[in-house]
Amino acid sequence: MAKQREWAEDTSTTWWQNKRRNRRLAPSRAMTELETLLELAPGQQALVPSLAETNALREAVADAVDALPEEDQWIFNVLHVAGLSLRFTGRVLGIPKTTLARRRDTIRLRLLNDLKDNPEVKKWLATRLPSPP
């Protein structure tokens, strides 16, 4: 007969406190809209973008990615969208990891330069970044 497992009840932390602690440990994951709203103090307004703003921003990013050469698009999608590692991607392409890291950084700079002049991105950033003193 299998021994019944006993679960210790930890009353010192709630589910949400554990969720917040895990969020601090993994800051690279974007927060969902619900998590963003739950982080706000009572009465505080969230900066939730409208659907039109979100679609315009997505179009701007998609246009910038489409302007990249085909191989750079593939590298961007594999590393950033699919989340595969540099080591694995380098093995698939048959190039060293350090060379791939340099190409990734070049792709990021190219996208940054393309997007920083885009009016939709400027408008979106202006509403989210604090104004300079």
C-alpha atoms as a PDB file:
ATOM      1  CA  MET A   1       0.000   0.000   0.000  1.00  0.00           C
ATOM      2  CA  ALA A   2       1.375   3.383  -1.010  1.00  0.00           C
ATOM      3  CA  LYS A   3       2.067   5.821   1.749  1.00  0.00           C
ATOM      4  CA  GLN A   4      -0.231   8.830   1.741  1.00  0.00           C
ATOM      5  CA  ARG A   5       1.726  11.970   0.926  1.00  0.00           C
ATOM      6  CA  GLU A   6       1.296  14.791   3.406  1.00  0.00           C
ATOM      7  CA  TRP A   7       1.369  18.308   2.078  1.00  0.00           C
ATOM      8  CA  ALA A   8       2.575  21.010   4.383  1.00  0.00           C
ATOM      9  CA  GLU A   9       0.383  24.056   4.387  1.00  0.00           C
ATOM     10  CA  ASP A  10       2.427  27.209   4.139  1.00  0.00           C
ATOM     11  CA  THR A  11       0.254  29.980   5.496  1.00  0.00           C
ATOM     12  CA  SER A  12       3.020  32.567   5.513  1.00  0.00           C
ATOM     13  CA  THR A  13       2.654  33.377   1.812  1.00  0.00           C
ATOM     14  CA  THR A  14      -0.351  33.502  -0.439  1.00  0.00           C
ATOM     15  CA  TRP A  15      -0.548  32.383  -4.031  1.00  0.00           C
ATOM     16  CA  TRP A  16      -0.260  35.962  -5.243  1.00  0.00           C
ATOM     17  CA  GLN A  17       2.847  36.673  -3.143  1.00  0.00           C
ATOM     18  CA  ASN A  18       4.482  33.600  -4.643  1.00  0.00           C
ATOM     19  CA  LYS A  19       3.430  34.786  -8.107  1.00  0.00           C
ATOM     20  CA  ARG A  20       4.981  38.225  -7.486  1.00  0.00           C
ATOM     21  CA  ARG A  21       8.187  36.645  -6.157  1.00  0.00           C
ATOM     22  CA  ASN A  22       8.433  34.447  -9.249  1.00  0.00           C
ATOM     23  CA  ARG A  23       7.820  37.508 -11.425  1.00  0.00           C
ATOM     24  CA  ARG A  24      10.803  39.244  -9.829  1.00  0.00           C
ATOM     25  CA  LEU A  25      12.948  36.162 -10.438  1.00  0.00           C
ATOM     26  CA  ALA A  26      12.015  36.004 -14.140  1.00  0.00           C
ATOM     27  CA  PRO A  27      11.873  39.632 -15.324  1.00  0.00           C
ATOM     28  CA  SER A  28      12.408  38.755 -18.994  1.00  0.00           C
ATOM     29  CA  ARG A  29       8.846  37.466 -19.378  1.00  0.00           C
ATOM     30  CA  ALA A  30       6.357  40.137 -20.349  1.00  0.00           C
ATOM     31  CA  MET A  31       3.479  40.648 -17.955  1.00  0.00           C
ATOM     32  CA  THR A  32      -0.019  39.898 -19.135  1.00  0.00           C
ATOM     33  CA  GLU A  33      -2.692  42.584 -18.992  1.00  0.00           C
ATOM     34  CA  LEU A  34      -4.238  40.936 -15.926  1.00  0.00           C
ATOM     35  CA  GLU A  35      -0.880  40.793 -14.115  1.00  0.00           C
ATOM     36  CA  THR A  36      -0.299  44.447 -14.954  1.00  0.00           C
ATOM     37  CA  LEU A  37      -3.663  45.430 -13.498  1.00  0.00           C
ATOM     38  CA  LEU A  38      -3.079  43.351 -10.362  1.00  0.00           C
ATOM     39  CA  GLU A  39       0.259  45.111  -9.757  1.00  0.00           C
ATOM     40  CA  LEU A  40      -1.429  48.533  -9.618  1.00  0.00           C
ATOM     41  CA  ALA A  41      -2.366  50.215  -6.382  1.00  0.00           C
ATOM     42  CA  PRO A  42      -6.096  50.804  -5.825  1.00  0.00           C
ATOM     43  CA  GLY A  43      -7.313  53.815  -7.780  1.00  0.00           C
ATOM     44  CA  GLN A  44      -4.246  53.919 -10.032  1.00  0.00           C
ATOM     45  CA  GLN A  45      -4.890  54.031 -13.790  1.00  0.00           C
ATOM     46  CA  ALA A  46      -3.207  51.511 -16.069  1.00  0.00           C
ATOM     47  CA  LEU A  47      -1.536  52.533 -19.291  1.00  0.00           C
ATOM     48  CA  VAL A  48      -3.361  49.960 -21.372  1.00  0.00           C
ATOM     49  CA  PRO A  49      -2.944  50.799 -25.058  1.00  0.00           C
ATOM     50  CA  SER A  50      -5.936  50.798 -27.353  1.00  0.00           C
ATOM     51  CA  LEU A  51      -6.326  48.090 -29.956  1.00  0.00           C
ATOM     52  CA  ALA A  52      -5.557  50.579 -32.742  1.00  0.00           C
ATOM     53  CA  GLU A  53      -2.314  51.649 -31.013  1.00  0.00           C
ATOM     54  CA  THR A  54      -1.301  48.039 -30.475  1.00  0.00           C
ATOM     55  CA  ASN A  55      -1.988  47.117 -34.100  1.00  0.00           C
ATOM     56  CA  ALA A  56      -0.099  50.166 -35.381  1.00  0.00           C
ATOM     57  CA  LEU A  57       2.889  49.268 -33.209  1.00  0.00           C
ATOM     58  CA  ARG A  58       2.796  45.641 -34.371  1.00  0.00           C
ATOM     59  CA  GLU A  59       2.695  46.789 -37.997  1.00  0.00           C
ATOM     60  CA  ALA A  60       5.713  49.042 -37.427  1.00  0.00           C
ATOM     61  CA  VAL A  61       7.728  46.198 -35.886  1.00  0.00           C
ATOM     62  CA  ALA A  62       6.601  43.752 -38.595  1.00  0.00           C
ATOM     63  CA  ASP A  63       7.659  46.219 -41.312  1.00  0.00           C
ATOM     64  CA  ALA A  64      11.077  46.635 -39.680  1.00  0.00           C
ATOM     65  CA  VAL A  65      11.568  42.863 -39.479  1.00  0.00           C
ATOM     66  CA  ASP A  66      10.381  42.440 -43.092  1.00  0.00           C
ATOM     67  CA  ALA A  67      13.016  44.960 -44.204  1.00  0.00           C
ATOM     68  CA  LEU A  68      15.781  42.670 -42.923  1.00  0.00           C
ATOM     69  CA  PRO A  69      17.546  40.248 -45.272  1.00  0.00           C
ATOM     70  CA  GLU A  70      15.930  36.800 -45.358  1.00  0.00           C
ATOM     71  CA  GLU A  71      18.638  35.046 -43.338  1.00  0.00           C
ATOM     72  CA  ASP A  72      18.571  37.789 -40.695  1.00  0.00           C
ATOM     73  CA  GLN A  73      14.792  37.430 -40.469  1.00  0.00           C
ATOM     74  CA  TRP A  74      15.216  33.714 -39.893  1.00  0.00           C
ATOM     75  CA  ILE A  75      17.851  34.289 -37.181  1.00  0.00           C
ATOM     76  CA  PHE A  76      15.640  36.911 -35.487  1.00  0.00           C
ATOM     77  CA  ASN A  77      12.612  34.605 -35.502  1.00  0.00           C
ATOM     78  CA  VAL A  78      14.535  31.597 -34.241  1.00  0.00           C
ATOM     79  CA  LEU A  79      16.269  33.488 -31.417  1.00  0.00           C
ATOM     80  CA  HIS A  80      13.560  35.927 -30.319  1.00  0.00           C
ATOM     81  CA  VAL A  81      10.220  34.475 -31.369  1.00  0.00           C
ATOM     82  CA  ALA A  82      10.914  30.756 -30.951  1.00  0.00           C
ATOM     83  CA  GLY A  83      13.375  31.382 -28.102  1.00  0.00           C
ATOM     84  CA  LEU A  84      16.006  28.873 -29.199  1.00  0.00           C
ATOM     85  CA  SER A  85      19.523  29.189 -27.832  1.00  0.00           C
ATOM     86  CA  LEU A  86      22.545  30.606 -29.619  1.00  0.00           C
ATOM     87  CA  ARG A  87      24.335  27.269 -29.289  1.00  0.00           C
ATOM     88  CA  PHE A  88      21.507  25.272 -30.887  1.00  0.00           C
ATOM     89  CA  THR A  89      20.935  27.828 -33.657  1.00  0.00           C
ATOM     90  CA  GLY A  90      24.675  27.944 -34.371  1.00  0.00           C
ATOM     91  CA  ARG A  91      24.751  24.167 -34.720  1.00  0.00           C
ATOM     92  CA  VAL A  92      21.816  24.221 -37.133  1.00  0.00           C
ATOM     93  CA  LEU A  93      23.430  26.942 -39.269  1.00  0.00           C
ATOM     94  CA  GLY A  94      26.916  25.508 -38.936  1.00  0.00           C
ATOM     95  CA  ILE A  95      28.443  28.753 -37.638  1.00  0.00           C
ATOM     96  CA  PRO A  96      30.168  29.464 -34.301  1.00  0.00           C
ATOM     97  CA  LYS A  97      28.101  30.751 -31.401  1.00  0.00           C
ATOM     98  CA  THR A  98      30.158  33.956 -31.117  1.00  0.00           C
ATOM     99  CA  THR A  99      29.623  34.770 -34.795  1.00  0.00           C
ATOM    100  CA  LEU A 100      25.899  34.225 -34.344  1.00  0.00           C
ATOM    101  CA  ALA A 101      25.908  36.471 -31.256  1.00  0.00           C
ATOM    102  CA  ARG A 102      27.564  39.246 -33.282  1.00  0.00           C
ATOM    103  CA  ARG A 103      24.980  38.857 -36.043  1.00  0.00           C
ATOM    104  CA  ARG A 104      22.170  38.925 -33.459  1.00  0.00           C
ATOM    105  CA  ASP A 105      23.549  42.182 -32.036  1.00  0.00           C
ATOM    106  CA  THR A 106      23.818  43.665 -35.543  1.00  0.00           C
ATOM    107  CA  ILE A 107      20.201  42.686 -36.262  1.00  0.00           C
ATOM    108  CA  ARG A 108      19.064  44.295 -32.998  1.00  0.00           C
ATOM    109  CA  LEU A 109      20.901  47.538 -33.818  1.00  0.00           C
ATOM    110  CA  ARG A 110      19.413  47.605 -37.308  1.00  0.00           C
ATOM    111  CA  LEU A 111      15.910  47.123 -35.896  1.00  0.00           C
ATOM    112  CA  LEU A 112      16.528  49.772 -33.249  1.00  0.00           C
ATOM    113  CA  ASN A 113      17.650  52.288 -35.859  1.00  0.00           C
ATOM    114  CA  ASP A 114      14.639  51.491 -38.062  1.00  0.00           C
ATOM    115  CA  LEU A 115      12.147  51.708 -35.214  1.00  0.00           C
ATOM    116  CA  LYS A 116      13.424  54.762 -33.359  1.00  0.00           C
ATOM    117  CA  ASP A 117      12.468  57.022 -36.285  1.00  0.00           C
ATOM    118  CA  ASN A 118       9.025  55.469 -36.763  1.00  0.00           C
ATOM    119  CA  PRO A 119       6.236  57.897 -35.747  1.00  0.00           C
ATOM    120  CA  GLU A 120       4.039  55.136 -34.281  1.00  0.00           C
ATOM    121  CA  VAL A 121       6.870  53.930 -32.042  1.00  0.00           C
ATOM    122  CA  LYS A 122       7.681  57.498 -30.992  1.00  0.00           C
ATOM    123  CA  LYS A 123       4.039  58.102 -30.067  1.00  0.00           C
ATOM    124  CA  TRP A 124       3.836  54.848 -28.107  1.00  0.00           C
ATOM    125  CA  LEU A 125       7.081  55.572 -26.231  1.00  0.00           C
ATOM    126  CA  ALA A 126       6.035  59.148 -25.454  1.00  0.00           C
ATOM    127  CA  THR A 127       3.012  57.918 -23.526  1.00  0.00           C
ATOM    128  CA  ARG A 128       4.992  55.331 -21.530  1.00  0.00           C
ATOM    129  CA  LEU A 129       8.327  56.912 -20.732  1.00  0.00           C
ATOM    130  CA  PRO A 130       8.613  59.524 -18.000  1.00  0.00           C
ATOM    131  CA  SER A 131       9.211  63.020 -19.272  1.00  0.00           C
ATOM    132  CA  PRO A 132      12.719  64.419 -18.668  1.00  0.00           C
ATOM    133  CA  PRO A 133      13.050  66.920 -15.799  1.00  0.00           C
END
